[in-house]
C-alpha atoms as a PDB file:
ATOM      1  CA  MET A   1      93.773  95.722 134.558  1.00  0.00           C
ATOM      2  CA  VAL A   2      93.110  92.620 132.807  1.00  0.00           C
ATOM      3  CA  THR A   3      95.216  89.526 133.903  1.00  0.00           C
ATOM      4  CA  THR A   4      95.770  86.175 132.003  1.00  0.00           C
ATOM      5  CA  SER A   5      93.936  83.098 133.263  1.00  0.00           C
ATOM      6  CA  GLY A   6      97.056  81.007 132.879  1.00  0.00           C
ATOM      7  CA  MET A   7      99.330  79.070 130.470  1.00  0.00           C
ATOM      8  CA  GLY A   8      97.976  76.982 127.613  1.00  0.00           C
ATOM      9  CA  ALA A   9      96.385  77.573 124.269  1.00  0.00           C
ATOM     10  CA  GLY A  10      93.212  75.546 124.608  1.00  0.00           C
ATOM     11  CA  GLY A  11      91.094  77.882 122.629  1.00  0.00           C
ATOM     12  CA  THR A  12      90.354  78.307 119.104  1.00  0.00           C
ATOM     13  CA  ALA A  13      92.276  81.357 117.822  1.00  0.00           C
ATOM     14  CA  SER A  14      91.365  82.297 114.219  1.00  0.00           C
ATOM     15  CA  ASN A  15      94.058  84.982 113.542  1.00  0.00           C
ATOM     16  CA  ILE A  16      97.600  84.996 114.267  1.00  0.00           C
ATOM     17  CA  VAL A  17     100.394  87.818 113.975  1.00  0.00           C
ATOM     18  CA  THR A  18     104.037  86.639 113.978  1.00  0.00           C
ATOM     19  CA  LEU A  19     106.272  89.339 115.506  1.00  0.00           C
ATOM     20  CA  SER A  20     109.535  87.399 115.398  1.00  0.00           C
ATOM     21  CA  ARG A  21     110.715  83.799 115.444  1.00  0.00           C
ATOM     22  CA  ALA A  22     109.901  83.455 119.060  1.00  0.00           C
ATOM     23  CA  ILE A  23     106.980  85.906 119.517  1.00  0.00           C
ATOM     24  CA  ALA A  24     103.406  85.465 118.176  1.00  0.00           C
ATOM     25  CA  VAL A  25      99.993  86.712 119.040  1.00  0.00           C
ATOM     26  CA  ALA A  26      96.923  84.788 118.132  1.00  0.00           C
ATOM     27  CA  TYR A  27      93.431  85.798 118.727  1.00  0.00           C
ATOM     28  CA  ARG A  28      89.834  85.093 118.229  1.00  0.00           C
ATOM     29  CA  ARG A  29      87.549  87.936 117.544  1.00  0.00           C
ATOM     30  CA  ALA A  30      84.413  88.426 119.591  1.00  0.00           C
ATOM     31  CA  GLY A  31      81.367  86.781 118.053  1.00  0.00           C
ATOM     32  CA  ILE A  32      78.922  83.988 118.692  1.00  0.00           C
ATOM     33  CA  ILE A  33      80.567  82.745 121.867  1.00  0.00           C
ATOM     34  CA  GLY A  34      80.515  86.115 123.588  1.00  0.00           C
ATOM     35  CA  PRO A  35      81.434  89.752 123.505  1.00  0.00           C
ATOM     36  CA  ASP A  36      85.044  89.337 124.477  1.00  0.00           C
ATOM     37  CA  SER A  37      88.161  88.560 122.136  1.00  0.00           C
ATOM     38  CA  ASP A  38      90.580  85.857 123.476  1.00  0.00           C
ATOM     39  CA  ILE A  39      94.345  86.948 123.054  1.00  0.00           C
ATOM     40  CA  TYR A  40      97.020  84.366 123.115  1.00  0.00           C
ATOM     41  CA  VAL A  41     100.726  85.473 123.349  1.00  0.00           C
ATOM     42  CA  THR A  42     103.771  83.388 123.255  1.00  0.00           C
ATOM     43  CA  VAL A  43     107.365  84.657 123.550  1.00  0.00           C
ATOM     44  CA  ASP A  44     109.088  81.235 123.451  1.00  0.00           C
ATOM     45  CA  SER A  45     108.084  79.882 120.104  1.00  0.00           C
ATOM     46  CA  GLY A  46     104.902  78.362 121.197  1.00  0.00           C
ATOM     47  CA  ARG A  47     106.154  76.359 124.144  1.00  0.00           C
ATOM     48  CA  HIS A  48     103.975  78.497 126.599  1.00  0.00           C
ATOM     49  CA  TRP A  49     100.917  80.491 125.561  1.00  0.00           C
ATOM     50  CA  TYR A  50      99.320  83.026 127.981  1.00  0.00           C
ATOM     51  CA  VAL A  51      95.647  83.899 127.301  1.00  0.00           C
ATOM     52  CA  THR A  52      93.285  86.605 128.318  1.00  0.00           C
ATOM     53  CA  ALA A  53      90.017  87.905 127.353  1.00  0.00           C
ATOM     54  CA  LEU A  54      89.622  91.621 126.434  1.00  0.00           C
ATOM     55  CA  PRO A  55      86.170  93.249 125.937  1.00  0.00           C
ATOM     56  CA  GLY A  56      85.158  94.010 122.234  1.00  0.00           C
ATOM     57  CA  THR A  57      86.596  93.024 118.888  1.00  0.00           C
ATOM     58  CA  VAL A  58      90.259  93.053 117.981  1.00  0.00           C
ATOM     59  CA  GLN A  59      91.082  95.757 115.576  1.00  0.00           C
ATOM     60  CA  ARG A  60      94.872  95.601 115.468  1.00  0.00           C
ATOM     61  CA  VAL A  61      97.894  94.105 117.129  1.00  0.00           C
ATOM     62  CA  GLY A  62     100.919  96.263 117.534  1.00  0.00           C
ATOM     63  CA  SER A  63     104.375  95.778 119.268  1.00  0.00           C
ATOM     64  CA  VAL A  64     107.595  97.299 120.197  1.00  0.00           C
ATOM     65  CA  LEU A  65     110.484  94.699 119.870  1.00  0.00           C
ATOM     66  CA  GLY A  66     113.897  95.348 121.188  1.00  0.00           C
ATOM     67  CA  GLY A  67     116.697  93.050 122.515  1.00  0.00           C
ATOM     68  CA  PRO A  68     120.322  92.628 123.007  1.00  0.00           C
ATOM     69  CA  ASN A  69     120.884  90.902 119.670  1.00  0.00           C
ATOM     70  CA  LYS A  70     120.314  91.808 115.998  1.00  0.00           C
ATOM     71  CA  ASN A  71     117.037  89.664 115.941  1.00  0.00           C
ATOM     72  CA  ASN A  72     115.192  91.905 118.485  1.00  0.00           C
ATOM     73  CA  THR A  73     113.589  88.953 120.011  1.00  0.00           C
ATOM     74  CA  VAL A  74     112.656  90.633 123.361  1.00  0.00           C
ATOM     75  CA  LEU A  75     109.039  91.915 123.398  1.00  0.00           C
ATOM     76  CA  ARG A  76     109.293  95.300 125.188  1.00  0.00           C
ATOM     77  CA  SER A  77     105.450  96.107 124.871  1.00  0.00           C
ATOM     78  CA  LEU A  78     102.418  94.784 123.051  1.00  0.00           C
ATOM     79  CA  PHE A  79      99.443  96.826 122.124  1.00  0.00           C
ATOM     80  CA  GLU A  80      95.998  95.482 121.411  1.00  0.00           C
ATOM     81  CA  SER A  81      93.429  97.819 120.016  1.00  0.00           C
ATOM     82  CA  VAL A  82      89.783  96.692 120.581  1.00  0.00           C
ATOM     83  CA  SER A  83      86.479  98.239 119.844  1.00  0.00           C
ATOM     84  CA  SER A  84      84.158  98.139 122.895  1.00  0.00           C
ATOM     85  CA  SER A  85      80.823  96.123 122.763  1.00  0.00           C
ATOM     86  CA  SER A  86      78.748  99.355 123.353  1.00  0.00           C
ATOM     87  CA  PRO A  87      76.524 100.752 120.637  1.00  0.00           C
ATOM     88  CA  SER A  88      78.903 103.812 120.406  1.00  0.00           C
ATOM     89  CA  GLY A  89      81.577 101.595 119.126  1.00  0.00           C
ATOM     90  CA  GLU A  90      84.273 103.198 121.094  1.00  0.00           C
ATOM     91  CA  LYS A  91      87.948 101.952 120.702  1.00  0.00           C
ATOM     92  CA  HIS A  92      90.139 101.170 123.592  1.00  0.00           C
ATOM     93  CA  THR A  93      93.764 100.223 123.676  1.00  0.00           C
ATOM     94  CA  TYR A  94      95.256  97.767 126.052  1.00  0.00           C
ATOM     95  CA  LYS A  95      99.049  97.374 126.696  1.00  0.00           C
ATOM     96  CA  SER A  96     100.997  94.433 128.011  1.00  0.00           C
ATOM     97  CA  LEU A  97     104.621  95.113 129.305  1.00  0.00           C
ATOM     98  CA  ASN A  98     105.344  91.408 130.254  1.00  0.00           C
ATOM     99  CA  GLY A  99     104.691  89.399 127.136  1.00  0.00           C
ATOM    100  CA  GLY A 100     100.970  89.084 127.478  1.00  0.00           C
ATOM    101  CA  ARG A 101     100.802  87.956 131.021  1.00  0.00           C
ATOM    102  CA  SER A 102      98.830  91.003 132.104  1.00  0.00           C
ATOM    103  CA  TRP A 103      97.162  93.818 130.287  1.00  0.00           C
ATOM    104  CA  SER A 104      96.110  97.365 131.256  1.00  0.00           C
ATOM    105  CA  LEU A 105      93.871  99.907 129.626  1.00  0.00           C
ATOM    106  CA  VAL A 106      95.897 102.873 128.090  1.00  0.00           C
END
């Protein structure tokens, strides 16, 4: 399991995926800084951001939204597909069930 290091969006995300008016995922792909990708998630329109580092390079962001209202503003699960840093280029999928606060390998 990979767990977030805390609240705050102090890094340098270079990509963002907006999932609803309140929910967004930003990330910086692995590169010159290191082999991990930083993932930032907000579920409250950017007031709080949760950040974690996943090994490898982000390939895609997927989500399942569902809520009690027509806007489906509750994030039920979030999927992050990353390729590993290994020479074989394996792909791994991580899932968060709590809005990006913690992640587990699927």
